[in-house]
Each structure stands twice: as C-alpha cells, then as structure tokens.
Protein backbone atom coordinates (compact mmCIF):
# COMPACT_ATOMS: atom_id res chain seq x y z
CA MET A 1 -73.71 126.66 -180.55
CA PRO A 2 -77.10 125.23 -181.23
CA LYS A 3 -79.78 127.33 -182.93
CA ASP A 4 -82.20 127.42 -180.03
CA LEU A 5 -79.27 127.91 -177.60
CA ALA A 6 -78.11 131.01 -179.68
CA SER A 7 -81.75 132.20 -180.02
CA LEU A 8 -82.16 131.94 -176.52
CA GLN A 9 -78.95 133.97 -175.47
CA SER A 10 -80.02 136.78 -178.29
CA VAL A 11 -83.40 137.13 -176.47
CA VAL A 12 -81.82 137.65 -173.15
CA LEU A 13 -79.14 139.86 -173.77
CA ALA A 14 -81.67 142.15 -175.91
CA ALA A 15 -83.79 142.15 -172.78
CA LEU A 16 -81.03 143.25 -170.56
CA ASP A 17 -79.58 145.80 -173.14
CA ASP A 18 -83.17 147.19 -173.39
CA LEU A 19 -83.20 148.07 -169.64
CA LYS A 20 -79.53 149.11 -169.29
CA ALA A 21 -77.87 146.28 -167.51
CA VAL A 22 -74.35 147.17 -166.46
CA ASP A 23 -71.51 145.07 -167.36
CA VAL A 24 -72.86 142.04 -169.12
CA LYS A 25 -70.83 138.95 -169.46
CA VAL A 26 -71.46 135.80 -171.17
CA LEU A 27 -69.51 132.76 -170.12
CA ASP A 28 -69.68 129.27 -171.85
CA VAL A 29 -69.81 126.81 -169.16
CA SER A 30 -70.82 123.93 -171.22
CA ARG A 31 -67.24 122.21 -170.36
CA LEU A 32 -67.49 122.84 -166.78
CA THR A 33 -70.79 121.68 -165.84
CA THR A 34 -74.03 119.69 -167.15
CA ILE A 35 -76.37 121.95 -165.44
CA THR A 36 -76.32 124.48 -168.26
CA SER A 37 -74.56 125.77 -171.19
CA VAL A 38 -74.32 129.32 -170.86
CA MET A 39 -74.34 131.76 -167.72
CA VAL A 40 -75.14 135.56 -168.33
CA VAL A 41 -73.76 137.72 -165.60
CA ALA A 42 -75.21 141.16 -165.19
CA THR A 43 -75.40 144.13 -162.51
CA GLY A 44 -78.08 146.23 -161.86
CA THR A 45 -77.74 149.76 -160.36
CA SER A 46 -80.35 149.22 -157.54
CA ASN A 47 -82.22 146.34 -156.05
CA ARG A 48 -85.27 147.53 -158.05
CA HIS A 49 -82.99 147.39 -161.27
CA VAL A 50 -81.76 143.92 -160.48
CA ARG A 51 -85.49 143.14 -160.06
CA ALA A 52 -86.45 144.72 -163.28
CA LEU A 53 -83.49 142.92 -165.17
CA ALA A 54 -84.37 139.39 -164.01
CA ASP A 55 -88.15 139.93 -164.67
CA ALA A 56 -87.36 141.20 -168.31
CA ALA A 57 -85.03 138.46 -169.01
CA ARG A 58 -87.68 135.90 -167.78
CA GLU A 59 -90.38 137.48 -169.67
CA ALA A 60 -88.69 137.86 -173.04
CA ALA A 61 -87.66 134.18 -172.76
CA LYS A 62 -91.01 132.96 -172.16
CA GLY A 63 -92.71 135.25 -174.49
CA ALA A 64 -90.40 133.68 -177.26
CA GLY A 65 -91.61 130.42 -176.24
CA PHE A 66 -88.49 129.34 -174.31
CA THR A 67 -88.86 127.25 -171.08
CA VAL A 68 -88.31 128.95 -167.76
CA LEU A 69 -87.57 126.82 -164.83
CA GLY A 70 -87.79 129.20 -162.16
CA VAL A 71 -86.54 132.50 -160.69
CA GLU A 72 -84.66 132.46 -157.18
CA GLY A 73 -83.81 135.53 -155.13
CA ASP A 74 -86.84 137.73 -155.16
CA SER A 75 -86.93 138.37 -151.67
CA ASP A 76 -84.33 141.06 -151.30
CA ALA A 77 -83.15 141.32 -155.00
CA GLU A 78 -79.46 141.54 -154.08
CA TRP A 79 -78.69 138.58 -156.49
CA MET A 80 -81.48 136.97 -158.76
CA LEU A 81 -81.01 133.96 -160.92
CA VAL A 82 -83.23 133.10 -163.71
CA ASP A 83 -82.84 129.86 -164.86
CA LEU A 84 -83.91 129.09 -168.38
CA VAL A 85 -82.39 125.75 -168.86
CA ASP A 86 -79.83 126.08 -171.49
CA VAL A 87 -79.10 129.72 -170.23
CA VAL A 88 -78.88 130.81 -166.35
CA VAL A 89 -78.94 134.43 -165.90
CA HIS A 90 -77.49 135.89 -162.72
CA VAL A 91 -78.19 139.43 -162.00
CA MET A 92 -76.80 141.00 -159.15
CA SER A 93 -75.95 144.57 -157.30
CA PRO A 94 -72.71 145.78 -157.82
CA GLN A 95 -71.34 144.56 -154.23
CA THR A 96 -72.86 141.25 -154.58
CA ARG A 97 -71.12 140.89 -157.93
CA GLU A 98 -67.82 142.01 -156.41
CA LEU A 99 -67.99 139.62 -153.57
CA TYR A 100 -68.95 136.64 -155.32
CA ARG A 101 -66.91 137.18 -158.77
CA LEU A 102 -68.85 134.48 -160.68
CA GLU A 103 -66.69 135.49 -163.76
CA ASP A 104 -63.44 134.19 -162.07
CA LEU A 105 -65.16 131.02 -160.60
CA TRP A 106 -66.60 129.83 -163.81
CA SER A 107 -64.09 130.96 -166.29
CA ALA A 108 -60.97 128.64 -165.38
CA LEU A 109 -60.96 125.17 -166.93
CA PRO A 110 -59.96 122.53 -164.32
CA ARG A 111 -56.63 121.01 -164.62
CA ARG A 112 -56.25 117.47 -165.09
CA PRO A 113 -54.25 115.28 -162.44
CA LYS A 114 -50.49 115.03 -163.64
CA ALA A 115 -51.12 111.18 -163.53
CA GLU A 116 -54.01 111.56 -166.17
CA GLN A 117 -51.84 113.82 -168.22
CA ALA A 118 -49.07 111.43 -168.40
CA GLY A 119 -51.24 108.43 -169.45
CA ASP A 120 -52.19 110.47 -172.49
CA SER A 121 -48.62 110.16 -174.14
CA ALA A 122 -48.68 106.41 -173.97
C-alpha cells in the first residue's frame, strides 16, 4: 500500500473511530475497479450520526492535505459517500447497510471465464 494511501486510510479510520462509527470495514478493491483503491464502510446509529461521521472523515482528510472530490447523500443521510480519490467512504444507517450489503458486493473477485483459464496452461 503506498504511503499516501496508508496515511489517508489511517486519517479516515481515526476520524470514524473518534465519533464511534459502528462496524467499520476496510475493503481493498484495487483489483476490482480503477475508480478507487480502498472502500471504507461504516454504520451510524442515526441520520445525524451518519452525517457527522461523513463530515468528520471529509474534514480530517482535508485537514491532512488530501483531496476531497465530493460528498453525496447529504439530503437524507441514510447513506453518505465521501470521495477521497484513493479511498471512498460509505457511511450508512443500519437498515441501508443491511439492504445494500456492500461488503458482499465488493469482496468477491470476479472469476475468469473457463476458456480463458484453459488457455493459461498452454
């Protein structure tokens, strides 16, 4: 993990921990997508808590000199996304997290087609 990525991840996790985020998971998605390297998924206990956690992650990253591309989902705070380029932070209500199950979606590597696998042995 590049130093800047490790530093950014550390800053984000500390901010979420400071505000008592629930069930924080770090997903290395670098082999699955080119849009980001790491996704952090966390749960807030209420819409206000979700908003506070997303704001804390954004402010901590910005304060440490990292780029903040944007924040989505501020209107209802059921699911907020903080795009920090190499790290994307998803903060959700418990119901929303259970519904979308991002950890399951992003944790499995896609399988190569059998024809492609057979060609590897030649």
